[in-house]
Amino acid sequence: MAESGSLKNKIYNAVLSDILQGNYNQDTIIREKRLIEKYEVSKSPVRDALIELCNEGILRSIPRYGYELVRITEMDIKNIIEYRVILESQCVRTAVKKMLDTDIDELEMYTRQNCTAADEVDIWKHWNNNIRFHLRLNSYAQNRYIYDKLKDSMNILTRAYAQFHWNRWHKTEFSMGIEEHLKIIKSIRERDEEQAVLQLQEDIGLFSEILTF
């Protein structure tokens, strides 16, 4: 049973990775038989992995035919970004009140060590750095439900950007620092709630513009 679960997770991660890498486009039909052959496993873990991807709204089952990617629209992206602005702004307000000076030091150290790239790298690495910073920042609001919802939103945006921009992104390198994130941290350190919220919103907007140009 444990082995079956492990295989399911392996196939789930492999299929999701292929989606994010652009190996499946919107017209691709993913078939169980093909995955069984590719991963040399039985039908059960493949089907379980595909069911989980369907439950998460990533794939849609077409009975007796296969599975297709759920298309994410530009309006979906716009709505999720607006949702992030509302959600994260409130989290920053809470964090400004709750964070100790040692927490702020820890956030700054984490950001410098884990959310920056030394040289020009592809946009995916910057996007992943950006996700790490925002999730870490929101963790100080100490609300697990909100944290999970933000993580879900980031995951949907990752798939959305892969859907719209993979062909362009993986050929483009960016040099992007962490200055905007450090500005937010500085405002939190100064207990300037309004400035921290303003800089957070500008940061979300800045990355959104880069991702959707």
N, C-alpha and C. Protein backbone atom coordinates (compact mmCIF):
# COMPACT_ATOMS: atom_id res chain seq x y z
N MET A 1 0.83 -1.21 0.00
CA MET A 1 0.00 0.00 0.00
C MET A 1 0.86 1.25 0.00
N ALA A 2 1.93 1.22 0.89
CA ALA A 2 2.84 2.35 0.95
C ALA A 2 3.58 2.51 -0.36
N GLU A 3 3.95 1.33 -0.98
CA GLU A 3 4.66 1.39 -2.25
C GLU A 3 3.77 2.01 -3.33
N SER A 4 2.48 1.61 -3.32
CA SER A 4 1.54 2.16 -4.29
C SER A 4 1.42 3.67 -4.13
N GLY A 5 1.33 4.13 -2.86
CA GLY A 5 1.23 5.56 -2.60
C GLY A 5 2.45 6.30 -3.07
N SER A 6 3.62 5.69 -2.87
CA SER A 6 4.86 6.30 -3.30
C SER A 6 4.91 6.41 -4.82
N LEU A 7 4.48 5.38 -5.50
CA LEU A 7 4.44 5.42 -6.96
C LEU A 7 3.48 6.48 -7.46
N LYS A 8 2.33 6.56 -6.79
CA LYS A 8 1.36 7.59 -7.18
C LYS A 8 1.98 8.98 -7.07
N ASN A 9 2.67 9.24 -5.96
CA ASN A 9 3.29 10.55 -5.77
C ASN A 9 4.37 10.81 -6.82
N LYS A 10 5.11 9.76 -7.14
CA LYS A 10 6.16 9.91 -8.14
C LYS A 10 5.56 10.29 -9.49
N ILE A 11 4.47 9.64 -9.86
CA ILE A 11 3.86 9.93 -11.16
C ILE A 11 3.16 11.29 -11.12
N TYR A 12 2.53 11.59 -10.00
CA TYR A 12 1.90 12.91 -9.84
C TYR A 12 2.93 14.02 -10.07
N ASN A 13 4.07 13.90 -9.38
CA ASN A 13 5.10 14.93 -9.50
C ASN A 13 5.68 14.98 -10.91
N ALA A 14 5.82 13.83 -11.54
CA ALA A 14 6.39 13.79 -12.89
C ALA A 14 5.44 14.47 -13.89
N VAL A 15 4.15 14.16 -13.79
CA VAL A 15 3.19 14.75 -14.71
C VAL A 15 3.09 16.26 -14.48
N LEU A 16 3.06 16.66 -13.20
CA LEU A 16 2.98 18.09 -12.89
C LEU A 16 4.23 18.82 -13.39
N SER A 17 5.38 18.20 -13.23
CA SER A 17 6.62 18.80 -13.72
C SER A 17 6.58 18.96 -15.24
N ASP A 18 6.07 17.95 -15.93
CA ASP A 18 5.96 18.05 -17.39
C ASP A 18 5.02 19.18 -17.80
N ILE A 19 3.96 19.37 -17.03
CA ILE A 19 3.03 20.46 -17.33
C ILE A 19 3.74 21.80 -17.17
N LEU A 20 4.49 21.97 -16.06
CA LEU A 20 5.16 23.24 -15.80
C LEU A 20 6.30 23.48 -16.76
N GLN A 21 6.89 22.39 -17.27
CA GLN A 21 8.00 22.54 -18.23
C GLN A 21 7.50 22.74 -19.66
N GLY A 22 6.19 22.73 -19.82
CA GLY A 22 5.63 22.95 -21.15
C GLY A 22 5.66 21.72 -22.04
N ASN A 23 5.88 20.54 -21.47
CA ASN A 23 5.92 19.33 -22.28
C ASN A 23 4.52 18.87 -22.69
N TYR A 24 3.51 19.37 -21.99
CA TYR A 24 2.13 19.14 -22.39
C TYR A 24 1.52 20.50 -22.71
N ASN A 25 0.97 20.65 -23.89
CA ASN A 25 0.30 21.92 -24.21
C ASN A 25 -1.21 21.75 -24.07
N GLN A 26 -1.93 22.79 -24.39
CA GLN A 26 -3.38 22.77 -24.20
C GLN A 26 -4.09 21.75 -25.07
N ASP A 27 -3.46 21.36 -26.15
CA ASP A 27 -4.11 20.40 -27.06
C ASP A 27 -3.72 18.95 -26.76
N THR A 28 -2.83 18.77 -25.79
CA THR A 28 -2.37 17.42 -25.47
C THR A 28 -3.45 16.63 -24.73
N ILE A 29 -3.63 15.40 -25.13
CA ILE A 29 -4.49 14.48 -24.39
C ILE A 29 -3.57 13.49 -23.67
N ILE A 30 -3.64 13.52 -22.34
CA ILE A 30 -2.81 12.62 -21.53
C ILE A 30 -3.57 11.32 -21.33
N ARG A 31 -2.95 10.21 -21.71
CA ARG A 31 -3.65 8.92 -21.62
C ARG A 31 -2.97 8.01 -20.60
N GLU A 32 -3.79 7.27 -19.89
CA GLU A 32 -3.28 6.37 -18.86
C GLU A 32 -2.30 5.36 -19.44
N LYS A 33 -2.65 4.79 -20.59
CA LYS A 33 -1.81 3.74 -21.19
C LYS A 33 -0.41 4.27 -21.47
N ARG A 34 -0.34 5.49 -21.97
CA ARG A 34 0.98 6.08 -22.29
C ARG A 34 1.82 6.26 -21.02
N LEU A 35 1.18 6.68 -19.94
CA LEU A 35 1.91 6.88 -18.68
C LEU A 35 2.34 5.55 -18.08
N ILE A 36 1.48 4.54 -18.20
CA ILE A 36 1.84 3.20 -17.70
C ILE A 36 3.09 2.70 -18.41
N GLU A 37 3.14 2.90 -19.72
CA GLU A 37 4.31 2.47 -20.50
C GLU A 37 5.54 3.30 -20.15
N LYS A 38 5.33 4.60 -20.02
CA LYS A 38 6.45 5.51 -19.77
C LYS A 38 7.12 5.24 -18.43
N TYR A 39 6.29 5.01 -17.40
CA TYR A 39 6.85 4.85 -16.05
C TYR A 39 6.94 3.37 -15.62
N GLU A 40 6.47 2.49 -16.51
CA GLU A 40 6.57 1.04 -16.26
C GLU A 40 5.97 0.67 -14.90
N VAL A 41 4.75 1.11 -14.71
CA VAL A 41 4.02 0.81 -13.48
C VAL A 41 2.65 0.26 -13.85
N SER A 42 1.91 -0.16 -12.83
CA SER A 42 0.56 -0.68 -13.08
C SER A 42 -0.43 0.48 -13.25
N LYS A 43 -1.65 0.13 -13.54
CA LYS A 43 -2.67 1.14 -13.81
C LYS A 43 -3.05 1.93 -12.57
N SER A 44 -3.05 1.25 -11.41
CA SER A 44 -3.57 1.87 -10.19
C SER A 44 -2.86 3.17 -9.80
N PRO A 45 -1.52 3.21 -9.66
CA PRO A 45 -0.89 4.48 -9.26
C PRO A 45 -1.04 5.57 -10.30
N VAL A 46 -1.08 5.18 -11.57
CA VAL A 46 -1.27 6.19 -12.63
C VAL A 46 -2.65 6.82 -12.50
N ARG A 47 -3.64 5.96 -12.35
CA ARG A 47 -5.01 6.49 -12.24
C ARG A 47 -5.16 7.35 -10.98
N ASP A 48 -4.58 6.89 -9.87
CA ASP A 48 -4.67 7.67 -8.62
C ASP A 48 -4.02 9.04 -8.78
N ALA A 49 -2.87 9.08 -9.45
CA ALA A 49 -2.18 10.36 -9.66
C ALA A 49 -3.02 11.29 -10.53
N LEU A 50 -3.62 10.74 -11.57
CA LEU A 50 -4.44 11.56 -12.47
C LEU A 50 -5.70 12.05 -11.76
N ILE A 51 -6.27 11.21 -10.92
CA ILE A 51 -7.46 11.63 -10.16
C ILE A 51 -7.11 12.80 -9.24
N GLU A 52 -5.93 12.71 -8.60
CA GLU A 52 -5.53 13.81 -7.72
C GLU A 52 -5.32 15.10 -8.50
N LEU A 53 -4.74 15.01 -9.67
CA LEU A 53 -4.55 16.19 -10.51
C LEU A 53 -5.89 16.76 -10.95
N CYS A 54 -6.86 15.88 -11.16
CA CYS A 54 -8.21 16.36 -11.50
C CYS A 54 -8.85 17.04 -10.29
N ASN A 55 -8.69 16.43 -9.12
CA ASN A 55 -9.28 17.01 -7.90
C ASN A 55 -8.71 18.39 -7.60
N GLU A 56 -7.47 18.62 -8.01
CA GLU A 56 -6.83 19.91 -7.76
C GLU A 56 -7.10 20.91 -8.88
N GLY A 57 -7.92 20.50 -9.85
CA GLY A 57 -8.29 21.43 -10.92
C GLY A 57 -7.21 21.64 -11.96
N ILE A 58 -6.24 20.72 -12.01
CA ILE A 58 -5.14 20.85 -12.98
C ILE A 58 -5.50 20.13 -14.28
N LEU A 59 -6.13 18.96 -14.15
CA LEU A 59 -6.56 18.19 -15.32
C LEU A 59 -8.07 18.02 -15.29
N ARG A 60 -8.60 17.71 -16.47
CA ARG A 60 -10.02 17.38 -16.59
C ARG A 60 -10.13 16.03 -17.28
N SER A 61 -10.92 15.14 -16.71
CA SER A 61 -11.10 13.80 -17.28
C SER A 61 -12.10 13.85 -18.42
N ILE A 62 -11.73 13.22 -19.52
CA ILE A 62 -12.66 13.04 -20.64
C ILE A 62 -12.96 11.54 -20.70
N PRO A 63 -14.14 11.11 -20.27
CA PRO A 63 -14.45 9.68 -20.16
C PRO A 63 -14.13 8.91 -21.43
N ARG A 64 -13.45 7.78 -21.26
CA ARG A 64 -13.09 6.85 -22.33
C ARG A 64 -12.17 7.48 -23.38
N TYR A 65 -11.51 8.56 -23.02
CA TYR A 65 -10.63 9.22 -24.00
C TYR A 65 -9.28 9.58 -23.39
N GLY A 66 -9.29 10.31 -22.24
CA GLY A 66 -8.03 10.72 -21.63
C GLY A 66 -8.23 11.91 -20.70
N TYR A 67 -7.17 12.68 -20.56
CA TYR A 67 -7.21 13.83 -19.65
C TYR A 67 -6.63 15.04 -20.39
N GLU A 68 -7.23 16.20 -20.18
CA GLU A 68 -6.71 17.41 -20.78
C GLU A 68 -6.43 18.44 -19.70
N LEU A 69 -5.55 19.39 -20.03
CA LEU A 69 -5.23 20.45 -19.08
C LEU A 69 -6.41 21.40 -18.93
N VAL A 70 -6.66 21.80 -17.70
CA VAL A 70 -7.68 22.82 -17.47
C VAL A 70 -7.09 24.17 -17.86
N ARG A 71 -7.72 24.84 -18.79
CA ARG A 71 -7.20 26.11 -19.28
C ARG A 71 -7.43 27.22 -18.26
N ILE A 72 -6.41 27.98 -17.99
CA ILE A 72 -6.50 29.13 -17.08
C ILE A 72 -6.54 30.38 -17.93
N THR A 73 -7.52 31.22 -17.70
CA THR A 73 -7.70 32.41 -18.53
C THR A 73 -6.92 33.59 -17.95
N GLU A 74 -6.76 34.63 -18.78
CA GLU A 74 -6.11 35.85 -18.31
C GLU A 74 -6.93 36.48 -17.19
N MET A 75 -8.24 36.34 -17.26
CA MET A 75 -9.09 36.88 -16.18
C MET A 75 -8.84 36.11 -14.88
N ASP A 76 -8.61 34.80 -14.98
CA ASP A 76 -8.26 34.02 -13.78
C ASP A 76 -7.00 34.59 -13.12
N ILE A 77 -5.99 34.88 -13.95
CA ILE A 77 -4.74 35.42 -13.42
C ILE A 77 -4.99 36.76 -12.74
N LYS A 78 -5.75 37.63 -13.41
CA LYS A 78 -6.05 38.94 -12.84
C LYS A 78 -6.77 38.80 -11.50
N ASN A 79 -7.72 37.88 -11.44
CA ASN A 79 -8.48 37.69 -10.20
C ASN A 79 -7.59 37.16 -9.07
N ILE A 80 -6.70 36.25 -9.40
CA ILE A 80 -5.81 35.70 -8.36
C ILE A 80 -4.85 36.76 -7.85
N ILE A 81 -4.34 37.60 -8.75
CA ILE A 81 -3.44 38.67 -8.31
C ILE A 81 -4.18 39.65 -7.39
N GLU A 82 -5.41 39.98 -7.75
CA GLU A 82 -6.20 40.86 -6.88
C GLU A 82 -6.43 40.20 -5.51
N TYR A 83 -6.69 38.91 -5.55
CA TYR A 83 -6.88 38.14 -4.30
C TYR A 83 -5.62 38.20 -3.45
N ARG A 84 -4.47 38.03 -4.10
CA ARG A 84 -3.20 38.10 -3.37
C ARG A 84 -3.00 39.46 -2.71
N VAL A 85 -3.32 40.52 -3.45
CA VAL A 85 -3.13 41.87 -2.91
C VAL A 85 -3.96 42.04 -1.63
N ILE A 86 -5.20 41.61 -1.69
CA ILE A 86 -6.08 41.74 -0.52
C ILE A 86 -5.56 40.88 0.64
N LEU A 87 -5.26 39.63 0.33
CA LEU A 87 -4.85 38.68 1.37
C LEU A 87 -3.51 39.07 1.99
N GLU A 88 -2.53 39.35 1.15
CA GLU A 88 -1.19 39.61 1.65
C GLU A 88 -1.09 40.97 2.33
N SER A 89 -1.90 41.93 1.89
CA SER A 89 -1.88 43.24 2.55
C SER A 89 -2.30 43.10 4.01
N GLN A 90 -3.35 42.32 4.22
CA GLN A 90 -3.80 42.13 5.59
C GLN A 90 -2.77 41.35 6.41
N CYS A 91 -2.12 40.39 5.77
CA CYS A 91 -1.08 39.62 6.47
C CYS A 91 0.08 40.51 6.87
N VAL A 92 0.46 41.43 6.00
CA VAL A 92 1.56 42.34 6.34
C VAL A 92 1.17 43.23 7.51
N ARG A 93 -0.07 43.71 7.49
CA ARG A 93 -0.53 44.54 8.63
C ARG A 93 -0.41 43.74 9.94
N THR A 94 -0.83 42.48 9.87
CA THR A 94 -0.74 41.64 11.06
C THR A 94 0.71 41.39 11.45
N ALA A 95 1.55 41.14 10.43
CA ALA A 95 2.96 40.86 10.70
C ALA A 95 3.66 42.05 11.34
N VAL A 96 3.33 43.26 10.88
CA VAL A 96 3.95 44.46 11.46
C VAL A 96 3.68 44.52 12.96
N LYS A 97 2.50 44.10 13.35
CA LYS A 97 2.13 44.13 14.78
C LYS A 97 2.74 42.97 15.55
N LYS A 98 2.86 41.81 14.91
CA LYS A 98 3.26 40.60 15.64
C LYS A 98 4.75 40.33 15.62
N MET A 99 5.43 40.74 14.56
CA MET A 99 6.83 40.33 14.40
C MET A 99 7.73 41.00 15.43
N LEU A 100 8.56 40.19 16.06
CA LEU A 100 9.59 40.70 16.95
C LEU A 100 10.79 41.13 16.11
N ASP A 101 11.67 41.90 16.71
CA ASP A 101 12.88 42.32 15.99
C ASP A 101 13.68 41.11 15.54
N THR A 102 13.69 40.07 16.36
CA THR A 102 14.42 38.85 15.97
C THR A 102 13.76 38.16 14.77
N ASP A 103 12.43 38.25 14.68
CA ASP A 103 11.72 37.70 13.52
C ASP A 103 12.12 38.45 12.25
N ILE A 104 12.21 39.77 12.37
CA ILE A 104 12.56 40.59 11.20
C ILE A 104 13.99 40.29 10.76
N ASP A 105 14.88 40.14 11.73
CA ASP A 105 16.26 39.76 11.40
C ASP A 105 16.28 38.43 10.66
N GLU A 106 15.48 37.50 11.16
CA GLU A 106 15.43 36.16 10.56
C GLU A 106 14.88 36.23 9.14
N LEU A 107 13.83 37.05 8.92
CA LEU A 107 13.25 37.20 7.58
C LEU A 107 14.27 37.80 6.62
N GLU A 108 14.99 38.81 7.07
CA GLU A 108 15.98 39.44 6.19
C GLU A 108 17.10 38.46 5.84
N MET A 109 17.55 37.71 6.83
CA MET A 109 18.61 36.73 6.57
C MET A 109 18.11 35.66 5.60
N TYR A 110 16.88 35.20 5.83
CA TYR A 110 16.30 34.18 4.94
C TYR A 110 16.21 34.71 3.51
N THR A 111 15.76 35.96 3.38
CA THR A 111 15.61 36.56 2.05
C THR A 111 16.95 36.68 1.34
N ARG A 112 17.96 37.12 2.05
CA ARG A 112 19.29 37.28 1.44
C ARG A 112 19.89 35.94 1.05
N GLN A 113 19.61 34.90 1.83
CA GLN A 113 20.23 33.60 1.59
C GLN A 113 19.46 32.72 0.61
N ASN A 114 18.13 32.88 0.56
CA ASN A 114 17.30 31.94 -0.19
C ASN A 114 16.47 32.54 -1.30
N CYS A 115 16.44 33.85 -1.43
CA CYS A 115 15.51 34.47 -2.38
C CYS A 115 16.23 35.36 -3.38
N THR A 116 17.49 35.11 -3.62
CA THR A 116 18.24 35.94 -4.55
C THR A 116 19.05 35.08 -5.48
N ALA A 117 19.39 35.65 -6.63
CA ALA A 117 20.23 34.95 -7.60
C ALA A 117 21.42 35.84 -7.92
N ALA A 118 22.59 35.23 -7.95
CA ALA A 118 23.81 36.02 -8.12
C ALA A 118 23.92 36.61 -9.53
N ASP A 119 23.52 35.85 -10.53
CA ASP A 119 23.67 36.31 -11.91
C ASP A 119 22.33 36.23 -12.61
N GLU A 120 22.37 36.53 -13.91
CA GLU A 120 21.15 36.41 -14.69
C GLU A 120 20.73 34.95 -14.77
N VAL A 121 19.50 34.69 -14.45
CA VAL A 121 18.95 33.34 -14.53
C VAL A 121 17.60 33.42 -15.18
N ASP A 122 17.04 32.28 -15.53
CA ASP A 122 15.74 32.33 -16.19
C ASP A 122 14.67 32.77 -15.20
N ILE A 123 13.56 33.19 -15.78
CA ILE A 123 12.51 33.81 -14.99
C ILE A 123 11.92 32.84 -13.99
N TRP A 124 12.00 31.53 -14.24
CA TRP A 124 11.43 30.56 -13.30
C TRP A 124 12.15 30.59 -11.97
N LYS A 125 13.48 30.77 -12.00
CA LYS A 125 14.22 30.81 -10.75
C LYS A 125 13.84 32.06 -9.96
N HIS A 126 13.65 33.17 -10.67
CA HIS A 126 13.22 34.37 -9.98
C HIS A 126 11.82 34.20 -9.40
N TRP A 127 10.97 33.55 -10.17
CA TRP A 127 9.59 33.33 -9.70
C TRP A 127 9.59 32.45 -8.45
N ASN A 128 10.41 31.41 -8.45
CA ASN A 128 10.48 30.54 -7.26
C ASN A 128 11.07 31.29 -6.07
N ASN A 129 12.06 32.15 -6.31
CA ASN A 129 12.59 32.98 -5.22
C ASN A 129 11.49 33.88 -4.67
N ASN A 130 10.70 34.43 -5.60
CA ASN A 130 9.61 35.31 -5.20
C ASN A 130 8.58 34.58 -4.35
N ILE A 131 8.26 33.35 -4.74
CA ILE A 131 7.31 32.55 -3.96
C ILE A 131 7.84 32.32 -2.55
N ARG A 132 9.11 31.97 -2.46
CA ARG A 132 9.70 31.70 -1.13
C ARG A 132 9.59 32.93 -0.22
N PHE A 133 9.89 34.10 -0.78
CA PHE A 133 9.82 35.30 0.05
C PHE A 133 8.41 35.56 0.53
N HIS A 134 7.44 35.51 -0.38
CA HIS A 134 6.07 35.87 0.01
C HIS A 134 5.47 34.85 0.99
N LEU A 135 5.77 33.58 0.80
CA LEU A 135 5.26 32.59 1.75
C LEU A 135 5.91 32.77 3.12
N ARG A 136 7.21 33.05 3.11
CA ARG A 136 7.90 33.27 4.39
C ARG A 136 7.33 34.49 5.11
N LEU A 137 7.16 35.57 4.37
CA LEU A 137 6.62 36.79 4.97
C LEU A 137 5.24 36.53 5.57
N ASN A 138 4.39 35.82 4.81
CA ASN A 138 3.04 35.59 5.29
C ASN A 138 2.98 34.59 6.44
N SER A 139 4.02 33.82 6.61
CA SER A 139 4.03 32.87 7.73
C SER A 139 4.03 33.60 9.08
N TYR A 140 4.50 34.85 9.08
CA TYR A 140 4.55 35.59 10.35
C TYR A 140 3.17 36.08 10.79
N ALA A 141 2.19 35.97 9.90
CA ALA A 141 0.82 36.29 10.31
C ALA A 141 0.26 35.17 11.19
N GLN A 142 0.95 34.02 11.18
CA GLN A 142 0.62 32.90 12.06
C GLN A 142 -0.82 32.40 11.84
N ASN A 143 -1.18 32.29 10.56
CA ASN A 143 -2.50 31.77 10.21
C ASN A 143 -2.30 30.70 9.14
N ARG A 144 -2.37 29.44 9.54
CA ARG A 144 -2.07 28.34 8.64
C ARG A 144 -3.03 28.29 7.47
N TYR A 145 -4.29 28.62 7.69
CA TYR A 145 -5.29 28.57 6.61
C TYR A 145 -4.94 29.58 5.52
N ILE A 146 -4.61 30.80 5.97
CA ILE A 146 -4.25 31.83 4.99
C ILE A 146 -2.98 31.44 4.24
N TYR A 147 -2.01 30.90 4.98
CA TYR A 147 -0.75 30.47 4.36
C TYR A 147 -1.02 29.44 3.26
N ASP A 148 -1.86 28.45 3.55
CA ASP A 148 -2.16 27.41 2.57
C ASP A 148 -2.89 27.98 1.36
N LYS A 149 -3.80 28.92 1.60
CA LYS A 149 -4.53 29.53 0.47
C LYS A 149 -3.59 30.33 -0.42
N LEU A 150 -2.65 31.04 0.21
CA LEU A 150 -1.69 31.79 -0.59
C LEU A 150 -0.82 30.82 -1.40
N LYS A 151 -0.40 29.73 -0.77
CA LYS A 151 0.40 28.73 -1.48
C LYS A 151 -0.37 28.15 -2.66
N ASP A 152 -1.64 27.86 -2.46
CA ASP A 152 -2.48 27.35 -3.56
C ASP A 152 -2.54 28.37 -4.70
N SER A 153 -2.70 29.65 -4.34
CA SER A 153 -2.78 30.70 -5.36
C SER A 153 -1.48 30.80 -6.14
N MET A 154 -0.36 30.69 -5.44
CA MET A 154 0.93 30.75 -6.11
C MET A 154 1.09 29.56 -7.07
N ASN A 155 0.63 28.39 -6.66
CA ASN A 155 0.73 27.21 -7.51
C ASN A 155 -0.10 27.37 -8.78
N ILE A 156 -1.29 27.94 -8.64
CA ILE A 156 -2.13 28.17 -9.83
C ILE A 156 -1.46 29.17 -10.75
N LEU A 157 -0.88 30.24 -10.17
CA LEU A 157 -0.19 31.24 -11.01
C LEU A 157 1.00 30.61 -11.73
N THR A 158 1.69 29.71 -11.04
CA THR A 158 2.83 29.04 -11.68
C THR A 158 2.36 28.28 -12.93
N ARG A 159 1.25 27.56 -12.79
CA ARG A 159 0.73 26.82 -13.95
C ARG A 159 0.22 27.78 -15.02
N ALA A 160 -0.38 28.87 -14.58
CA ALA A 160 -0.92 29.84 -15.54
C ALA A 160 0.20 30.46 -16.37
N TYR A 161 1.27 30.84 -15.69
CA TYR A 161 2.37 31.45 -16.42
C TYR A 161 3.05 30.44 -17.33
N ALA A 162 3.10 29.19 -16.89
CA ALA A 162 3.65 28.15 -17.77
C ALA A 162 2.79 28.00 -19.01
N GLN A 163 1.49 28.06 -18.82
CA GLN A 163 0.57 27.92 -19.93
C GLN A 163 0.73 29.04 -20.95
N PHE A 164 0.90 30.26 -20.45
CA PHE A 164 0.91 31.41 -21.35
C PHE A 164 2.29 31.74 -21.89
N HIS A 165 3.33 31.45 -21.09
CA HIS A 165 4.62 32.07 -21.41
C HIS A 165 5.80 31.14 -21.48
N TRP A 166 5.60 29.83 -21.35
CA TRP A 166 6.76 28.97 -21.27
C TRP A 166 7.71 29.12 -22.46
N ASN A 167 7.16 29.14 -23.68
CA ASN A 167 8.02 29.20 -24.86
C ASN A 167 8.93 30.42 -24.85
N ARG A 168 8.44 31.50 -24.25
CA ARG A 168 9.25 32.72 -24.21
C ARG A 168 10.15 32.74 -22.99
N TRP A 169 9.61 32.31 -21.87
CA TRP A 169 10.35 32.42 -20.62
C TRP A 169 11.63 31.60 -20.59
N HIS A 170 11.56 30.37 -21.06
CA HIS A 170 12.73 29.52 -20.88
C HIS A 170 13.87 29.93 -21.79
N LYS A 171 13.62 30.90 -22.69
CA LYS A 171 14.69 31.41 -23.55
C LYS A 171 15.19 32.77 -23.06
N THR A 172 14.59 33.28 -22.00
CA THR A 172 14.91 34.64 -21.55
C THR A 172 15.55 34.60 -20.18
N GLU A 173 16.60 35.38 -20.01
CA GLU A 173 17.24 35.48 -18.72
C GLU A 173 17.04 36.87 -18.15
N PHE A 174 16.87 36.94 -16.85
CA PHE A 174 16.63 38.20 -16.18
C PHE A 174 17.65 38.38 -15.07
N SER A 175 17.95 39.62 -14.80
CA SER A 175 18.74 39.94 -13.63
C SER A 175 17.83 40.74 -12.70
N MET A 176 17.47 40.13 -11.59
CA MET A 176 16.48 40.75 -10.71
C MET A 176 16.94 40.59 -9.27
N GLY A 177 17.09 41.68 -8.59
CA GLY A 177 17.57 41.64 -7.22
C GLY A 177 16.44 41.47 -6.22
N ILE A 178 16.79 41.69 -4.98
CA ILE A 178 15.81 41.52 -3.90
C ILE A 178 15.50 42.88 -3.25
N GLU A 179 15.83 43.96 -3.98
CA GLU A 179 15.67 45.29 -3.40
C GLU A 179 14.24 45.57 -2.96
N GLU A 180 13.29 45.16 -3.80
CA GLU A 180 11.88 45.43 -3.45
C GLU A 180 11.49 44.68 -2.18
N HIS A 181 11.99 43.48 -2.03
CA HIS A 181 11.67 42.70 -0.82
C HIS A 181 12.33 43.31 0.41
N LEU A 182 13.55 43.80 0.23
CA LEU A 182 14.24 44.42 1.36
C LEU A 182 13.55 45.73 1.79
N LYS A 183 12.95 46.43 0.82
CA LYS A 183 12.20 47.64 1.17
C LYS A 183 11.01 47.30 2.08
N ILE A 184 10.35 46.21 1.76
CA ILE A 184 9.21 45.78 2.58
C ILE A 184 9.69 45.46 3.99
N ILE A 185 10.79 44.72 4.07
CA ILE A 185 11.34 44.35 5.38
C ILE A 185 11.73 45.60 6.17
N LYS A 186 12.33 46.57 5.48
CA LYS A 186 12.75 47.81 6.14
C LYS A 186 11.53 48.53 6.74
N SER A 187 10.46 48.60 6.00
CA SER A 187 9.25 49.27 6.50
C SER A 187 8.65 48.52 7.69
N ILE A 188 8.70 47.19 7.63
CA ILE A 188 8.22 46.41 8.78
C ILE A 188 9.09 46.69 10.00
N ARG A 189 10.40 46.77 9.77
CA ARG A 189 11.32 47.04 10.88
C ARG A 189 11.02 48.40 11.50
N GLU A 190 10.63 49.37 10.66
CA GLU A 190 10.31 50.70 11.16
C GLU A 190 8.87 50.80 11.67
N ARG A 191 8.14 49.68 11.61
CA ARG A 191 6.74 49.61 12.05
C ARG A 191 5.87 50.60 11.29
N ASP A 192 6.22 50.80 10.02
CA ASP A 192 5.46 51.68 9.15
C ASP A 192 4.50 50.81 8.33
N GLU A 193 3.34 50.58 8.90
CA GLU A 193 2.38 49.63 8.32
C GLU A 193 1.93 50.03 6.92
N GLU A 194 1.58 51.31 6.75
CA GLU A 194 1.06 51.75 5.45
C GLU A 194 2.13 51.65 4.36
N GLN A 195 3.36 52.01 4.70
CA GLN A 195 4.43 51.94 3.71
C GLN A 195 4.74 50.49 3.37
N ALA A 196 4.69 49.60 4.35
CA ALA A 196 4.94 48.18 4.09
C ALA A 196 3.88 47.61 3.15
N VAL A 197 2.63 47.99 3.38
CA VAL A 197 1.54 47.51 2.51
C VAL A 197 1.72 48.06 1.10
N LEU A 198 2.04 49.36 1.00
CA LEU A 198 2.23 49.98 -0.32
C LEU A 198 3.35 49.30 -1.09
N GLN A 199 4.46 49.03 -0.42
CA GLN A 199 5.59 48.39 -1.11
C GLN A 199 5.28 46.94 -1.47
N LEU A 200 4.52 46.27 -0.62
CA LEU A 200 4.10 44.91 -0.95
C LEU A 200 3.25 44.92 -2.22
N GLN A 201 2.30 45.83 -2.29
CA GLN A 201 1.42 45.89 -3.45
C GLN A 201 2.20 46.24 -4.71
N GLU A 202 3.18 47.13 -4.58
CA GLU A 202 4.02 47.48 -5.74
C GLU A 202 4.84 46.27 -6.18
N ASP A 203 5.32 45.49 -5.21
CA ASP A 203 6.11 44.30 -5.54
C ASP A 203 5.27 43.27 -6.28
N ILE A 204 4.06 43.04 -5.80
CA ILE A 204 3.17 42.09 -6.49
C ILE A 204 2.88 42.59 -7.90
N GLY A 205 2.62 43.89 -8.01
CA GLY A 205 2.33 44.46 -9.33
C GLY A 205 3.53 44.41 -10.26
N LEU A 206 4.72 44.66 -9.71
CA LEU A 206 5.93 44.65 -10.54
C LEU A 206 6.17 43.28 -11.14
N PHE A 207 6.10 42.26 -10.33
CA PHE A 207 6.36 40.92 -10.86
C PHE A 207 5.24 40.49 -11.80
N SER A 208 4.04 40.93 -11.53
CA SER A 208 2.93 40.58 -12.41
C SER A 208 3.13 41.18 -13.79
N GLU A 209 3.64 42.42 -13.84
CA GLU A 209 3.89 43.05 -15.13
C GLU A 209 4.96 42.30 -15.90
N ILE A 210 6.02 41.87 -15.20
CA ILE A 210 7.10 41.14 -15.86
C ILE A 210 6.59 39.82 -16.41
N LEU A 211 5.73 39.16 -15.63
CA LEU A 211 5.27 37.84 -16.01
C LEU A 211 4.24 37.87 -17.12
N THR A 212 3.57 38.97 -17.29
CA THR A 212 2.49 39.01 -18.27
C THR A 212 2.79 39.91 -19.45
N PHE A 213 4.06 40.37 -19.58
CA PHE A 213 4.35 41.27 -20.71
C PHE A 213 4.25 40.52 -22.02
